[in-house]
Amino acid sequence: MSGLRLHTDLPLFECAHRLRAAVDEPRWALFSLSGYAGSRAVIGTVDINAVRLQRRLRFGHPWEAVFLYASLVPEQSGTRIEGRFRHRPSYAICLGLWTTFAIVVGSVSLASCVMELVTPTGRVSGNPWVGVVIPLIFWIYAAWCFWRGRRERRLLTAFVSETVGAKPY
């Protein structure tokens, strides 16, 4: 996974205070589109040395969220923020299995249907174009899941940078 390395001129306590004030605590809510109480764009917990943030998903399941796990390290010239982006382990396993399934089953289906379209043998029942389109849909969905995670990483990085006035180092 990609990492986050930022530096801010704020002292450690001020940096943690600003982050804590800008996020909602992760409290479940029954009647909420995101599944969490509150209205801020980022949900998370901020301790004096550690940060765990996630973007509020308005129309997605909280299980799909990308988390930022970061540490706040005091320095003489301010605070260093170092972290990494991660999915929940169960989501990462499920996405890996889905991608493997899409590649293996989709490739076999695609190859057999393309061969049937090129040299008809009569072994494939139904329309062979379905065997070409379905694997493409599998692959597009897997690519979309990975792309969406990259977007959330950019949004969380921008949020932290703007909240504490940090710059990459």
N, C-alpha and C. Protein backbone atom coordinates (compact mmCIF):
# COMPACT_ATOMS: atom_id res chain seq x y z
N MET A 1 0.83 -1.18 0.00
CA MET A 1 0.00 0.00 0.00
C MET A 1 0.87 1.24 0.00
N SER A 2 0.33 2.33 -0.46
CA SER A 2 1.07 3.57 -0.51
C SER A 2 1.11 4.22 0.86
N GLY A 3 2.12 5.08 1.03
CA GLY A 3 2.31 5.72 2.32
C GLY A 3 2.05 7.21 2.28
N LEU A 4 2.07 7.81 3.45
CA LEU A 4 1.85 9.23 3.62
C LEU A 4 2.99 9.78 4.46
N ARG A 5 3.63 10.83 3.97
CA ARG A 5 4.71 11.48 4.71
C ARG A 5 4.51 12.98 4.59
N LEU A 6 4.11 13.59 5.70
CA LEU A 6 3.87 15.03 5.72
C LEU A 6 4.61 15.66 6.89
N HIS A 7 4.83 16.96 6.79
CA HIS A 7 5.44 17.71 7.88
C HIS A 7 4.67 19.01 8.07
N THR A 8 4.40 19.35 9.33
CA THR A 8 3.72 20.60 9.66
C THR A 8 4.53 21.35 10.70
N ASP A 9 4.40 22.65 10.70
CA ASP A 9 5.10 23.48 11.67
C ASP A 9 4.40 23.51 13.02
N LEU A 10 3.21 22.95 13.13
CA LEU A 10 2.46 22.94 14.38
C LEU A 10 3.10 21.97 15.38
N PRO A 11 3.03 22.29 16.68
CA PRO A 11 3.49 21.32 17.68
C PRO A 11 2.54 20.12 17.74
N LEU A 12 2.99 19.07 18.36
CA LEU A 12 2.25 17.80 18.39
C LEU A 12 0.84 17.98 18.95
N PHE A 13 0.71 18.64 20.10
CA PHE A 13 -0.61 18.78 20.72
C PHE A 13 -1.57 19.58 19.86
N GLU A 14 -1.11 20.65 19.23
CA GLU A 14 -1.96 21.46 18.37
C GLU A 14 -2.38 20.67 17.12
N CYS A 15 -1.46 19.91 16.57
CA CYS A 15 -1.76 19.09 15.39
C CYS A 15 -2.85 18.06 15.73
N ALA A 16 -2.70 17.36 16.85
CA ALA A 16 -3.70 16.38 17.27
C ALA A 16 -5.03 17.05 17.56
N HIS A 17 -5.01 18.23 18.19
CA HIS A 17 -6.25 18.95 18.51
C HIS A 17 -6.99 19.36 17.24
N ARG A 18 -6.29 19.88 16.25
CA ARG A 18 -6.95 20.28 14.99
C ARG A 18 -7.55 19.09 14.26
N LEU A 19 -6.83 17.99 14.23
CA LEU A 19 -7.37 16.80 13.57
C LEU A 19 -8.60 16.27 14.31
N ARG A 20 -8.52 16.23 15.65
CA ARG A 20 -9.65 15.74 16.44
C ARG A 20 -10.88 16.62 16.24
N ALA A 21 -10.68 17.93 16.12
CA ALA A 21 -11.81 18.85 15.95
C ALA A 21 -12.42 18.75 14.55
N ALA A 22 -11.68 18.25 13.57
CA ALA A 22 -12.16 18.22 12.19
C ALA A 22 -12.83 16.90 11.79
N VAL A 23 -12.82 15.89 12.67
CA VAL A 23 -13.39 14.59 12.32
C VAL A 23 -14.52 14.23 13.27
N ASP A 24 -15.40 13.34 12.82
CA ASP A 24 -16.44 12.76 13.67
C ASP A 24 -15.92 11.47 14.26
N GLU A 25 -16.28 11.22 15.50
CA GLU A 25 -15.94 9.93 16.12
C GLU A 25 -16.77 8.83 15.45
N PRO A 26 -16.21 7.65 15.29
CA PRO A 26 -16.98 6.56 14.62
C PRO A 26 -18.04 5.96 15.55
N ARG A 27 -19.24 6.53 15.53
CA ARG A 27 -20.37 6.01 16.28
C ARG A 27 -21.43 5.55 15.29
N TRP A 28 -21.86 4.31 15.41
CA TRP A 28 -22.85 3.75 14.50
C TRP A 28 -24.19 4.46 14.66
N ALA A 29 -24.89 4.63 13.54
CA ALA A 29 -26.22 5.22 13.54
C ALA A 29 -27.11 4.39 12.63
N LEU A 30 -28.28 4.07 13.13
CA LEU A 30 -29.18 3.21 12.37
C LEU A 30 -29.74 3.91 11.14
N PHE A 31 -30.16 5.16 11.27
CA PHE A 31 -30.78 5.87 10.16
C PHE A 31 -29.80 6.89 9.57
N SER A 32 -28.76 6.39 8.95
CA SER A 32 -27.74 7.23 8.33
C SER A 32 -27.30 6.58 7.04
N LEU A 33 -27.11 7.38 5.99
CA LEU A 33 -26.68 6.81 4.72
C LEU A 33 -25.28 6.20 4.81
N SER A 34 -24.43 6.76 5.65
CA SER A 34 -23.06 6.25 5.76
C SER A 34 -22.94 5.17 6.82
N GLY A 35 -23.92 5.04 7.71
CA GLY A 35 -23.83 4.08 8.79
C GLY A 35 -23.24 4.66 10.06
N TYR A 36 -22.79 5.90 10.01
CA TYR A 36 -22.18 6.56 11.16
C TYR A 36 -22.92 7.83 11.50
N ALA A 37 -22.91 8.21 12.78
CA ALA A 37 -23.51 9.46 13.22
C ALA A 37 -22.59 10.62 12.86
N GLY A 38 -23.17 11.79 12.69
CA GLY A 38 -22.38 12.99 12.39
C GLY A 38 -22.54 13.41 10.95
N SER A 39 -21.88 14.53 10.62
CA SER A 39 -22.03 15.07 9.27
C SER A 39 -20.70 15.45 8.63
N ARG A 40 -19.59 15.30 9.31
CA ARG A 40 -18.31 15.69 8.73
C ARG A 40 -17.88 14.69 7.67
N ALA A 41 -17.02 15.15 6.78
CA ALA A 41 -16.60 14.33 5.64
C ALA A 41 -15.66 13.19 6.03
N VAL A 42 -15.01 13.31 7.18
CA VAL A 42 -14.05 12.29 7.60
C VAL A 42 -14.43 11.79 8.99
N ILE A 43 -14.33 10.48 9.16
CA ILE A 43 -14.62 9.81 10.42
C ILE A 43 -13.30 9.26 10.94
N GLY A 44 -13.08 9.32 12.25
CA GLY A 44 -11.85 8.75 12.74
C GLY A 44 -11.62 8.98 14.21
N THR A 45 -10.52 8.41 14.67
CA THR A 45 -10.07 8.58 16.04
C THR A 45 -8.68 9.20 16.00
N VAL A 46 -8.45 10.14 16.91
CA VAL A 46 -7.17 10.82 16.98
C VAL A 46 -6.69 10.75 18.42
N ASP A 47 -5.57 10.08 18.63
CA ASP A 47 -4.90 10.08 19.93
C ASP A 47 -3.72 11.04 19.84
N ILE A 48 -2.96 11.15 20.91
CA ILE A 48 -1.86 12.10 20.90
C ILE A 48 -0.76 11.69 19.92
N ASN A 49 -0.58 10.39 19.69
CA ASN A 49 0.48 9.93 18.79
C ASN A 49 -0.02 9.14 17.59
N ALA A 50 -1.31 8.81 17.56
CA ALA A 50 -1.81 7.94 16.49
C ALA A 50 -3.12 8.49 15.91
N VAL A 51 -3.31 8.24 14.61
CA VAL A 51 -4.50 8.70 13.90
C VAL A 51 -5.04 7.54 13.08
N ARG A 52 -6.36 7.38 13.09
CA ARG A 52 -7.03 6.40 12.23
C ARG A 52 -8.21 7.13 11.60
N LEU A 53 -8.13 7.37 10.29
CA LEU A 53 -9.15 8.14 9.59
C LEU A 53 -9.74 7.34 8.44
N GLN A 54 -10.99 7.63 8.11
CA GLN A 54 -11.63 7.08 6.93
C GLN A 54 -12.57 8.13 6.38
N ARG A 55 -12.76 8.12 5.08
CA ARG A 55 -13.69 9.04 4.45
C ARG A 55 -15.11 8.53 4.64
N ARG A 56 -16.03 9.44 4.92
CA ARG A 56 -17.42 9.04 5.08
C ARG A 56 -17.98 8.65 3.72
N LEU A 57 -18.48 7.44 3.61
CA LEU A 57 -19.10 6.96 2.37
C LEU A 57 -20.59 7.17 2.47
N ARG A 58 -21.13 8.07 1.67
CA ARG A 58 -22.55 8.39 1.74
C ARG A 58 -23.42 7.25 1.20
N PHE A 59 -22.99 6.62 0.13
CA PHE A 59 -23.82 5.59 -0.48
C PHE A 59 -23.10 4.26 -0.60
N GLY A 60 -22.08 4.06 0.18
CA GLY A 60 -21.35 2.80 0.16
C GLY A 60 -21.42 2.14 1.53
N HIS A 61 -20.97 0.93 1.60
CA HIS A 61 -20.94 0.22 2.86
C HIS A 61 -19.64 0.57 3.58
N PRO A 62 -19.68 0.79 4.90
CA PRO A 62 -18.45 1.13 5.63
C PRO A 62 -17.35 0.07 5.50
N TRP A 63 -17.73 -1.14 5.14
CA TRP A 63 -16.77 -2.23 4.98
C TRP A 63 -15.79 -1.94 3.85
N GLU A 64 -16.19 -1.12 2.87
CA GLU A 64 -15.37 -0.84 1.69
C GLU A 64 -14.41 0.32 1.88
N ALA A 65 -14.41 0.95 3.04
CA ALA A 65 -13.64 2.18 3.25
C ALA A 65 -12.13 1.92 3.25
N VAL A 66 -11.39 2.95 2.83
CA VAL A 66 -9.93 2.96 2.93
C VAL A 66 -9.58 3.72 4.20
N PHE A 67 -8.73 3.13 5.03
CA PHE A 67 -8.33 3.75 6.29
C PHE A 67 -6.93 4.33 6.17
N LEU A 68 -6.71 5.43 6.86
CA LEU A 68 -5.38 6.00 7.02
C LEU A 68 -4.95 5.75 8.45
N TYR A 69 -3.91 4.95 8.62
CA TYR A 69 -3.30 4.72 9.93
C TYR A 69 -2.01 5.52 9.94
N ALA A 70 -1.95 6.54 10.80
CA ALA A 70 -0.78 7.43 10.81
C ALA A 70 -0.29 7.63 12.23
N SER A 71 0.97 7.98 12.34
CA SER A 71 1.55 8.33 13.63
C SER A 71 2.00 9.78 13.57
N LEU A 72 1.85 10.46 14.69
CA LEU A 72 2.27 11.84 14.83
C LEU A 72 3.56 11.83 15.63
N VAL A 73 4.65 12.29 15.02
CA VAL A 73 5.96 12.23 15.66
C VAL A 73 6.44 13.67 15.88
N PRO A 74 6.72 14.05 17.14
CA PRO A 74 7.20 15.41 17.38
C PRO A 74 8.63 15.59 16.88
N GLU A 75 8.88 16.76 16.33
CA GLU A 75 10.23 17.15 15.90
C GLU A 75 10.50 18.54 16.43
N GLN A 76 11.74 18.99 16.32
CA GLN A 76 12.08 20.33 16.81
C GLN A 76 11.38 21.41 15.99
N SER A 77 11.16 21.14 14.72
CA SER A 77 10.55 22.15 13.85
C SER A 77 9.06 21.93 13.62
N GLY A 78 8.41 21.09 14.41
CA GLY A 78 6.98 20.85 14.24
C GLY A 78 6.62 19.39 14.48
N THR A 79 5.79 18.85 13.61
CA THR A 79 5.31 17.47 13.74
C THR A 79 5.42 16.77 12.39
N ARG A 80 5.88 15.54 12.44
CA ARG A 80 5.96 14.70 11.24
C ARG A 80 4.79 13.72 11.29
N ILE A 81 4.10 13.59 10.17
CA ILE A 81 2.96 12.68 10.07
C ILE A 81 3.34 11.60 9.07
N GLU A 82 3.43 10.38 9.55
CA GLU A 82 3.78 9.24 8.69
C GLU A 82 2.67 8.20 8.84
N GLY A 83 2.21 7.70 7.71
CA GLY A 83 1.14 6.72 7.78
C GLY A 83 1.06 5.87 6.54
N ARG A 84 0.08 4.97 6.57
CA ARG A 84 -0.17 4.09 5.42
C ARG A 84 -1.67 3.92 5.27
N PHE A 85 -2.06 3.62 4.05
CA PHE A 85 -3.47 3.43 3.72
C PHE A 85 -3.74 1.94 3.63
N ARG A 86 -4.84 1.51 4.25
CA ARG A 86 -5.19 0.09 4.26
C ARG A 86 -6.70 -0.08 4.17
N HIS A 87 -7.09 -1.21 3.60
CA HIS A 87 -8.49 -1.64 3.66
C HIS A 87 -8.63 -2.53 4.89
N ARG A 88 -9.86 -2.84 5.25
CA ARG A 88 -10.06 -3.87 6.27
C ARG A 88 -9.48 -5.17 5.73
N PRO A 89 -8.88 -6.00 6.59
CA PRO A 89 -8.31 -7.26 6.10
C PRO A 89 -9.34 -8.15 5.40
N SER A 90 -10.56 -8.20 5.91
CA SER A 90 -11.58 -9.04 5.27
C SER A 90 -11.94 -8.52 3.88
N TYR A 91 -11.96 -7.19 3.70
CA TYR A 91 -12.26 -6.62 2.39
C TYR A 91 -11.12 -6.89 1.42
N ALA A 92 -9.89 -6.77 1.89
CA ALA A 92 -8.74 -7.03 1.02
C ALA A 92 -8.71 -8.49 0.57
N ILE A 93 -9.04 -9.41 1.47
CA ILE A 93 -9.08 -10.83 1.11
C ILE A 93 -10.20 -11.08 0.10
N CYS A 94 -11.37 -10.52 0.36
CA CYS A 94 -12.51 -10.70 -0.57
C CYS A 94 -12.19 -10.11 -1.94
N LEU A 95 -11.58 -8.93 -1.98
CA LEU A 95 -11.23 -8.31 -3.26
C LEU A 95 -10.17 -9.13 -4.00
N GLY A 96 -9.22 -9.68 -3.27
CA GLY A 96 -8.22 -10.55 -3.89
C GLY A 96 -8.82 -11.82 -4.47
N LEU A 97 -9.74 -12.42 -3.71
CA LEU A 97 -10.42 -13.63 -4.22
C LEU A 97 -11.29 -13.29 -5.44
N TRP A 98 -11.98 -12.15 -5.38
CA TRP A 98 -12.82 -11.75 -6.52
C TRP A 98 -11.97 -11.51 -7.76
N THR A 99 -10.85 -10.83 -7.60
CA THR A 99 -9.98 -10.55 -8.74
C THR A 99 -9.42 -11.85 -9.31
N THR A 100 -9.01 -12.77 -8.44
CA THR A 100 -8.51 -14.07 -8.91
C THR A 100 -9.60 -14.83 -9.66
N PHE A 101 -10.80 -14.84 -9.10
CA PHE A 101 -11.93 -15.49 -9.77
C PHE A 101 -12.20 -14.86 -11.13
N ALA A 102 -12.19 -13.53 -11.17
CA ALA A 102 -12.47 -12.83 -12.42
C ALA A 102 -11.41 -13.14 -13.47
N ILE A 103 -10.16 -13.22 -13.07
CA ILE A 103 -9.09 -13.50 -14.04
C ILE A 103 -9.16 -14.95 -14.52
N VAL A 104 -9.26 -15.89 -13.60
CA VAL A 104 -9.21 -17.31 -13.98
C VAL A 104 -10.47 -17.72 -14.76
N VAL A 105 -11.64 -17.53 -14.15
CA VAL A 105 -12.88 -17.97 -14.80
C VAL A 105 -13.16 -17.12 -16.04
N GLY A 106 -12.91 -15.83 -15.94
CA GLY A 106 -13.14 -14.96 -17.08
C GLY A 106 -12.25 -15.28 -18.26
N SER A 107 -10.98 -15.60 -17.98
CA SER A 107 -10.06 -15.95 -19.07
C SER A 107 -10.47 -17.24 -19.77
N VAL A 108 -10.84 -18.25 -18.99
CA VAL A 108 -11.27 -19.52 -19.58
C VAL A 108 -12.54 -19.32 -20.40
N SER A 109 -13.50 -18.60 -19.83
CA SER A 109 -14.76 -18.34 -20.55
C SER A 109 -14.51 -17.52 -21.81
N LEU A 110 -13.69 -16.50 -21.69
CA LEU A 110 -13.39 -15.66 -22.84
C LEU A 110 -12.70 -16.46 -23.94
N ALA A 111 -11.71 -17.25 -23.56
CA ALA A 111 -10.98 -18.03 -24.56
C ALA A 111 -11.90 -19.03 -25.28
N SER A 112 -12.74 -19.75 -24.51
CA SER A 112 -13.61 -20.74 -25.15
C SER A 112 -14.66 -20.07 -26.04
N CYS A 113 -15.18 -18.94 -25.63
CA CYS A 113 -16.19 -18.27 -26.46
C CYS A 113 -15.59 -17.61 -27.69
N VAL A 114 -14.40 -17.07 -27.57
CA VAL A 114 -13.74 -16.49 -28.75
C VAL A 114 -13.41 -17.60 -29.74
N MET A 115 -12.95 -18.76 -29.24
CA MET A 115 -12.67 -19.88 -30.14
C MET A 115 -13.96 -20.35 -30.82
N GLU A 116 -15.08 -20.32 -30.10
CA GLU A 116 -16.36 -20.72 -30.69
C GLU A 116 -16.80 -19.70 -31.74
N LEU A 117 -16.53 -18.45 -31.52
CA LEU A 117 -16.89 -17.44 -32.51
C LEU A 117 -16.02 -17.55 -33.77
N VAL A 118 -14.75 -17.90 -33.58
CA VAL A 118 -13.83 -18.00 -34.72
C VAL A 118 -14.09 -19.27 -35.53
N THR A 119 -14.17 -20.39 -34.83
CA THR A 119 -14.43 -21.67 -35.50
C THR A 119 -15.61 -22.36 -34.80
N PRO A 120 -16.83 -22.19 -35.29
CA PRO A 120 -18.00 -22.77 -34.62
C PRO A 120 -17.95 -24.30 -34.59
N THR A 121 -18.09 -24.85 -33.36
CA THR A 121 -18.11 -26.31 -33.20
C THR A 121 -19.45 -26.80 -32.69
N GLY A 122 -20.26 -25.91 -32.14
CA GLY A 122 -21.56 -26.31 -31.61
C GLY A 122 -21.52 -26.75 -30.17
N ARG A 123 -20.33 -26.69 -29.52
CA ARG A 123 -20.24 -27.12 -28.13
C ARG A 123 -20.81 -26.09 -27.16
N VAL A 124 -20.80 -24.83 -27.52
CA VAL A 124 -21.29 -23.77 -26.63
C VAL A 124 -22.77 -23.56 -26.91
N SER A 125 -23.57 -23.69 -25.85
CA SER A 125 -25.01 -23.45 -26.02
C SER A 125 -25.30 -21.99 -25.73
N GLY A 126 -26.25 -21.44 -26.42
CA GLY A 126 -26.61 -20.05 -26.22
C GLY A 126 -25.74 -19.13 -27.08
N ASN A 127 -25.76 -17.88 -26.73
CA ASN A 127 -25.03 -16.87 -27.49
C ASN A 127 -23.60 -16.78 -26.97
N PRO A 128 -22.60 -17.04 -27.82
CA PRO A 128 -21.21 -16.99 -27.34
C PRO A 128 -20.75 -15.59 -26.98
N TRP A 129 -21.45 -14.55 -27.43
CA TRP A 129 -21.06 -13.18 -27.07
C TRP A 129 -21.24 -12.92 -25.58
N VAL A 130 -22.15 -13.67 -24.93
CA VAL A 130 -22.33 -13.53 -23.48
C VAL A 130 -21.03 -13.93 -22.77
N GLY A 131 -20.37 -14.94 -23.26
CA GLY A 131 -19.10 -15.37 -22.68
C GLY A 131 -17.97 -14.40 -22.92
N VAL A 132 -18.15 -13.49 -23.84
CA VAL A 132 -17.15 -12.44 -24.08
C VAL A 132 -17.45 -11.23 -23.20
N VAL A 133 -18.71 -10.88 -23.04
CA VAL A 133 -19.09 -9.67 -22.30
C VAL A 133 -18.96 -9.86 -20.79
N ILE A 134 -19.38 -11.01 -20.26
CA ILE A 134 -19.36 -11.24 -18.82
C ILE A 134 -17.95 -11.12 -18.23
N PRO A 135 -16.91 -11.75 -18.79
CA PRO A 135 -15.57 -11.55 -18.23
C PRO A 135 -15.12 -10.09 -18.26
N LEU A 136 -15.50 -9.38 -19.30
CA LEU A 136 -15.14 -7.96 -19.36
C LEU A 136 -15.79 -7.19 -18.22
N ILE A 137 -17.02 -7.51 -17.88
CA ILE A 137 -17.70 -6.87 -16.75
C ILE A 137 -16.99 -7.21 -15.44
N PHE A 138 -16.59 -8.48 -15.26
CA PHE A 138 -15.83 -8.88 -14.06
C PHE A 138 -14.57 -8.04 -13.93
N TRP A 139 -13.82 -7.91 -15.00
CA TRP A 139 -12.54 -7.20 -14.97
C TRP A 139 -12.74 -5.71 -14.74
N ILE A 140 -13.77 -5.13 -15.32
CA ILE A 140 -14.03 -3.70 -15.12
C ILE A 140 -14.42 -3.44 -13.66
N TYR A 141 -15.19 -4.33 -13.05
CA TYR A 141 -15.57 -4.15 -11.65
C TYR A 141 -14.34 -4.23 -10.74
N ALA A 142 -13.47 -5.19 -10.98
CA ALA A 142 -12.26 -5.31 -10.16
C ALA A 142 -11.37 -4.07 -10.31
N ALA A 143 -11.23 -3.58 -11.53
CA ALA A 143 -10.43 -2.36 -11.75
C ALA A 143 -11.08 -1.16 -11.07
N TRP A 144 -12.40 -1.07 -11.09
CA TRP A 144 -13.10 0.04 -10.45
C TRP A 144 -12.87 0.05 -8.94
N CYS A 145 -12.85 -1.14 -8.31
CA CYS A 145 -12.61 -1.21 -6.87
C CYS A 145 -11.23 -0.68 -6.53
N PHE A 146 -10.22 -1.02 -7.32
CA PHE A 146 -8.87 -0.52 -7.06
C PHE A 146 -8.79 0.98 -7.33
N TRP A 147 -9.45 1.47 -8.37
CA TRP A 147 -9.43 2.89 -8.70
C TRP A 147 -10.07 3.72 -7.60
N ARG A 148 -11.18 3.23 -7.07
CA ARG A 148 -11.88 3.96 -6.02
C ARG A 148 -11.02 4.11 -4.78
N GLY A 149 -10.23 3.13 -4.46
CA GLY A 149 -9.33 3.22 -3.32
C GLY A 149 -8.28 4.31 -3.50
N ARG A 150 -7.80 4.48 -4.73
CA ARG A 150 -6.81 5.54 -5.00
C ARG A 150 -7.43 6.91 -4.78
N ARG A 151 -8.67 7.10 -5.16
CA ARG A 151 -9.34 8.38 -4.98
C ARG A 151 -9.49 8.72 -3.50
N GLU A 152 -9.84 7.73 -2.70
CA GLU A 152 -9.99 7.97 -1.26
C GLU A 152 -8.65 8.30 -0.62
N ARG A 153 -7.58 7.71 -1.10
CA ARG A 153 -6.25 8.06 -0.57
C ARG A 153 -5.93 9.52 -0.83
N ARG A 154 -6.22 9.99 -2.05
CA ARG A 154 -5.97 11.40 -2.38
C ARG A 154 -6.81 12.32 -1.50
N LEU A 155 -8.07 11.98 -1.28
CA LEU A 155 -8.95 12.82 -0.47
C LEU A 155 -8.49 12.88 0.99
N LEU A 156 -8.07 11.74 1.56
CA LEU A 156 -7.59 11.74 2.94
C LEU A 156 -6.28 12.51 3.07
N THR A 157 -5.40 12.39 2.08
CA THR A 157 -4.14 13.13 2.11
C THR A 157 -4.42 14.63 2.06
N ALA A 158 -5.32 15.05 1.19
CA ALA A 158 -5.66 16.46 1.09
C ALA A 158 -6.32 16.96 2.38
N PHE A 159 -7.16 16.14 2.99
CA PHE A 159 -7.81 16.52 4.24
C PHE A 159 -6.79 16.78 5.34
N VAL A 160 -5.86 15.86 5.53
CA VAL A 160 -4.85 16.03 6.57
C VAL A 160 -3.97 17.23 6.26
N SER A 161 -3.57 17.39 5.01
CA SER A 161 -2.72 18.51 4.63
C SER A 161 -3.39 19.85 4.91
N GLU A 162 -4.65 19.98 4.54
CA GLU A 162 -5.36 21.23 4.74
C GLU A 162 -5.69 21.49 6.21
N THR A 163 -5.99 20.44 6.96
CA THR A 163 -6.38 20.62 8.35
C THR A 163 -5.23 21.12 9.21
N VAL A 164 -4.04 20.57 9.00
CA VAL A 164 -2.90 20.96 9.86
C VAL A 164 -1.87 21.79 9.11
N GLY A 165 -2.14 22.14 7.87
CA GLY A 165 -1.21 22.95 7.10
C GLY A 165 0.10 22.23 6.83
N ALA A 166 0.00 20.95 6.49
CA ALA A 166 1.21 20.14 6.29
C ALA A 166 1.61 20.12 4.83
N LYS A 167 2.90 19.86 4.62
CA LYS A 167 3.45 19.74 3.27
C LYS A 167 4.22 18.42 3.20
N PRO A 168 4.30 17.84 2.00
CA PRO A 168 5.08 16.60 1.84
C PRO A 168 6.56 16.87 2.10
N TYR A 169 7.22 15.85 2.61
CA TYR A 169 8.68 15.98 2.77
C TYR A 169 9.37 14.76 2.25
